[in-house]
Amino acid sequence: MRASQSGIDLINRYEQFSATLYDHDGTAGNTTIGWGHLVHSGNINQSSSEEKFKNGITKIEAENLLRGDLVTAEGEVNSSVRVPVAQGQFDALVSLAFNLRRREFMSSTLLKLINRGDYIGALRQFDRWVRVEIRSGNFETSRGLQDRRRSEEELFQRR
């Protein structure tokens, strides 16, 4: 399956376009550009990857990066979900996979529940992914992630 325009629109709404590099997670050190394209993760002071983005990017370049990132997220969902899903469910899962680190998505209870055919149980797991690290080992609930997860839940419930 591939993400529909509804899924892409959801990702764009919550990622918000940036033509320049920015620290996506505050203190986590995850540098991104465009619509959430991860340039480098972790507490790396400078990355050679940043060099090619030092002058920023256009929306067209950001769209191309997003398409590549979506292929990765779609691949994670396609390879890990072993039960039938509707388009809205797939889109919600791709948005979640796009937003999480691969190992977090692949080891999530949400994925385990959906693969057992427990769609309701999986739906209830979206709101568990609303915390961000503010300092090493200290987390807080993010209003933005709460809103995004609610939107993903709504999309997941669409047939």
Protein backbone atom coordinates (compact mmCIF):
# COMPACT_ATOMS: atom_id res chain seq x y z
CA MET A 1 0.00 0.00 0.00
CA ARG A 2 0.92 3.65 -0.38
CA ALA A 3 -0.08 6.64 1.72
CA SER A 4 -3.08 8.50 0.36
CA GLN A 5 -3.31 12.27 0.07
CA SER A 6 -5.20 12.31 3.40
CA GLY A 7 -2.24 10.67 5.12
CA ILE A 8 0.27 12.99 3.46
CA ASP A 9 -1.84 16.02 4.39
CA LEU A 10 -1.89 14.89 8.03
CA ILE A 11 1.90 14.56 8.09
CA ASN A 12 2.35 17.97 6.44
CA ARG A 13 -0.05 19.61 8.91
CA TYR A 14 1.89 18.43 11.94
CA GLU A 15 5.44 18.55 10.60
CA GLN A 16 5.13 22.14 9.34
CA PHE A 17 7.46 23.23 6.57
CA SER A 18 10.83 24.78 7.38
CA ALA A 19 13.16 25.90 4.60
CA THR A 20 16.09 25.92 7.05
CA LEU A 21 17.63 23.47 9.49
CA TYR A 22 16.07 23.33 12.94
CA ASP A 23 16.33 21.27 16.11
CA HIS A 24 13.10 19.28 15.95
CA ASP A 25 13.00 18.00 19.51
CA GLY A 26 14.43 20.79 21.59
CA THR A 27 17.25 19.15 23.56
CA ALA A 28 17.26 15.77 21.79
CA GLY A 29 19.48 17.16 19.04
CA ASN A 30 17.43 15.86 16.11
CA THR A 31 18.11 18.27 13.25
CA THR A 32 15.45 18.38 10.54
CA ILE A 33 14.48 20.39 7.48
CA GLY A 34 11.48 20.58 5.14
CA TRP A 35 8.53 18.54 6.40
CA GLY A 36 10.31 16.69 9.18
CA HIS A 37 13.17 15.26 7.11
CA LEU A 38 15.73 14.02 9.63
CA VAL A 39 19.17 15.33 8.71
CA HIS A 40 20.85 13.79 11.74
CA SER A 41 19.78 12.48 15.11
CA GLY A 42 21.23 12.69 18.56
CA ASN A 43 23.56 15.14 20.16
CA ILE A 44 25.88 15.67 17.24
CA ASN A 45 27.32 19.17 17.19
CA GLN A 46 27.88 19.35 13.46
CA SER A 47 27.11 16.94 10.71
CA SER A 48 28.43 16.81 7.17
CA SER A 49 24.81 16.17 6.22
CA GLU A 50 23.98 19.69 7.39
CA GLU A 51 26.47 21.17 4.92
CA LYS A 52 24.30 20.44 1.87
CA PHE A 53 21.36 22.23 3.53
CA LYS A 54 23.27 25.27 4.82
CA ASN A 55 21.50 27.58 2.32
CA GLY A 56 18.08 26.07 3.02
CA ILE A 57 15.72 24.32 0.61
CA THR A 58 12.68 25.11 -1.51
CA LYS A 59 9.25 23.58 -1.04
CA ILE A 60 9.82 21.44 -4.14
CA GLU A 61 13.06 20.08 -2.65
CA ALA A 62 11.22 19.46 0.64
CA GLU A 63 8.48 17.57 -1.21
CA ASN A 64 11.11 15.33 -2.81
CA LEU A 65 12.65 14.63 0.61
CA LEU A 66 9.18 13.88 2.01
CA ARG A 67 8.46 11.43 -0.81
CA GLY A 68 11.66 9.55 0.02
CA ASP A 69 10.87 9.55 3.73
CA LEU A 70 7.35 8.30 3.01
CA VAL A 71 8.74 5.37 1.03
CA THR A 72 10.68 4.38 4.15
CA ALA A 73 7.67 4.74 6.48
CA GLU A 74 5.38 2.94 4.03
CA GLY A 75 7.93 0.13 3.80
CA GLU A 76 8.04 -0.22 7.58
CA VAL A 77 4.26 -0.48 7.76
CA ASN A 78 3.96 -2.79 4.74
CA SER A 79 6.65 -5.14 6.05
CA SER A 80 5.48 -5.24 9.67
CA VAL A 81 1.67 -5.25 9.51
CA ARG A 82 0.52 -8.79 8.79
CA VAL A 83 -3.26 -8.26 8.81
CA PRO A 84 -5.52 -6.45 6.36
CA VAL A 85 -5.88 -2.70 6.97
CA ALA A 86 -8.09 -0.09 5.36
CA GLN A 87 -6.53 2.95 3.68
CA GLY A 88 -7.22 5.22 6.67
CA GLN A 89 -5.62 2.71 9.03
CA PHE A 90 -2.59 2.44 6.78
CA ASP A 91 -2.28 6.24 6.55
CA ALA A 92 -2.45 6.61 10.33
CA LEU A 93 0.21 3.93 10.79
CA VAL A 94 2.47 5.58 8.19
CA SER A 95 2.12 8.93 9.99
CA LEU A 96 3.04 7.28 13.28
CA ALA A 97 5.98 5.38 11.73
CA PHE A 98 7.16 8.60 10.06
CA ASN A 99 7.11 10.38 13.42
CA LEU A 100 8.74 7.62 15.51
CA ARG A 101 12.12 6.00 15.30
CA ARG A 102 11.99 2.70 13.41
CA ARG A 103 12.78 0.55 16.44
CA GLU A 104 10.05 2.29 18.47
CA PHE A 105 7.40 1.58 15.84
CA MET A 106 8.58 -1.96 15.18
CA SER A 107 8.59 -2.88 18.89
CA SER A 108 5.39 -1.03 19.79
CA THR A 109 2.43 -2.63 21.53
CA LEU A 110 0.27 -0.92 18.90
CA LEU A 111 1.92 -3.00 16.16
CA LYS A 112 1.66 -6.19 18.21
CA LEU A 113 -2.06 -5.59 18.82
CA ILE A 114 -2.87 -4.82 15.22
CA ASN A 115 -1.05 -7.97 14.11
CA ARG A 116 -3.26 -9.95 16.49
CA GLY A 117 -6.27 -8.42 14.73
CA ASP A 118 -7.08 -6.25 17.76
CA TYR A 119 -7.84 -3.04 15.86
CA ILE A 120 -9.60 -1.44 18.84
CA GLY A 121 -6.67 -2.21 21.13
CA ALA A 122 -4.28 -0.78 18.54
CA LEU A 123 -6.40 2.36 18.25
CA ARG A 124 -6.10 2.90 22.00
CA GLN A 125 -2.30 2.82 21.74
CA PHE A 126 -1.88 5.97 19.66
CA ASP A 127 -2.21 8.24 22.69
CA ARG A 128 0.75 6.52 24.37
CA TRP A 129 3.13 8.29 21.95
CA VAL A 130 2.74 11.88 23.20
CA ARG A 131 5.87 12.45 25.28
CA VAL A 132 9.07 14.23 24.30
CA GLU A 133 12.44 14.25 25.99
CA ILE A 134 13.15 17.70 27.42
CA ARG A 135 16.41 16.80 29.15
CA SER A 136 18.38 13.60 29.24
CA GLY A 137 15.97 11.07 30.74
CA ASN A 138 13.24 13.64 31.52
CA PHE A 139 10.06 13.60 29.47
CA GLU A 140 6.93 15.71 29.25
CA THR A 141 3.64 15.46 27.39
CA SER A 142 3.54 17.42 24.14
CA ARG A 143 0.31 19.19 23.23
CA GLY A 144 1.33 19.01 19.56
CA LEU A 145 1.79 15.24 19.75
CA GLN A 146 -1.54 14.86 21.55
CA ASP A 147 -3.23 16.71 18.67
CA ARG A 148 -1.38 14.66 16.07
CA ARG A 149 -2.28 11.37 17.75
CA ARG A 150 -5.96 12.38 17.90
CA SER A 151 -5.84 13.10 14.16
CA GLU A 152 -4.15 9.75 13.53
CA GLU A 153 -6.82 8.02 15.62
CA GLU A 154 -9.55 9.68 13.54
CA LEU A 155 -7.85 8.61 10.33
CA PHE A 156 -7.35 5.08 11.67
CA GLN A 157 -11.10 4.81 12.23
CA ARG A 158 -11.91 5.71 8.60
CA ARG A 159 -12.73 2.83 6.33
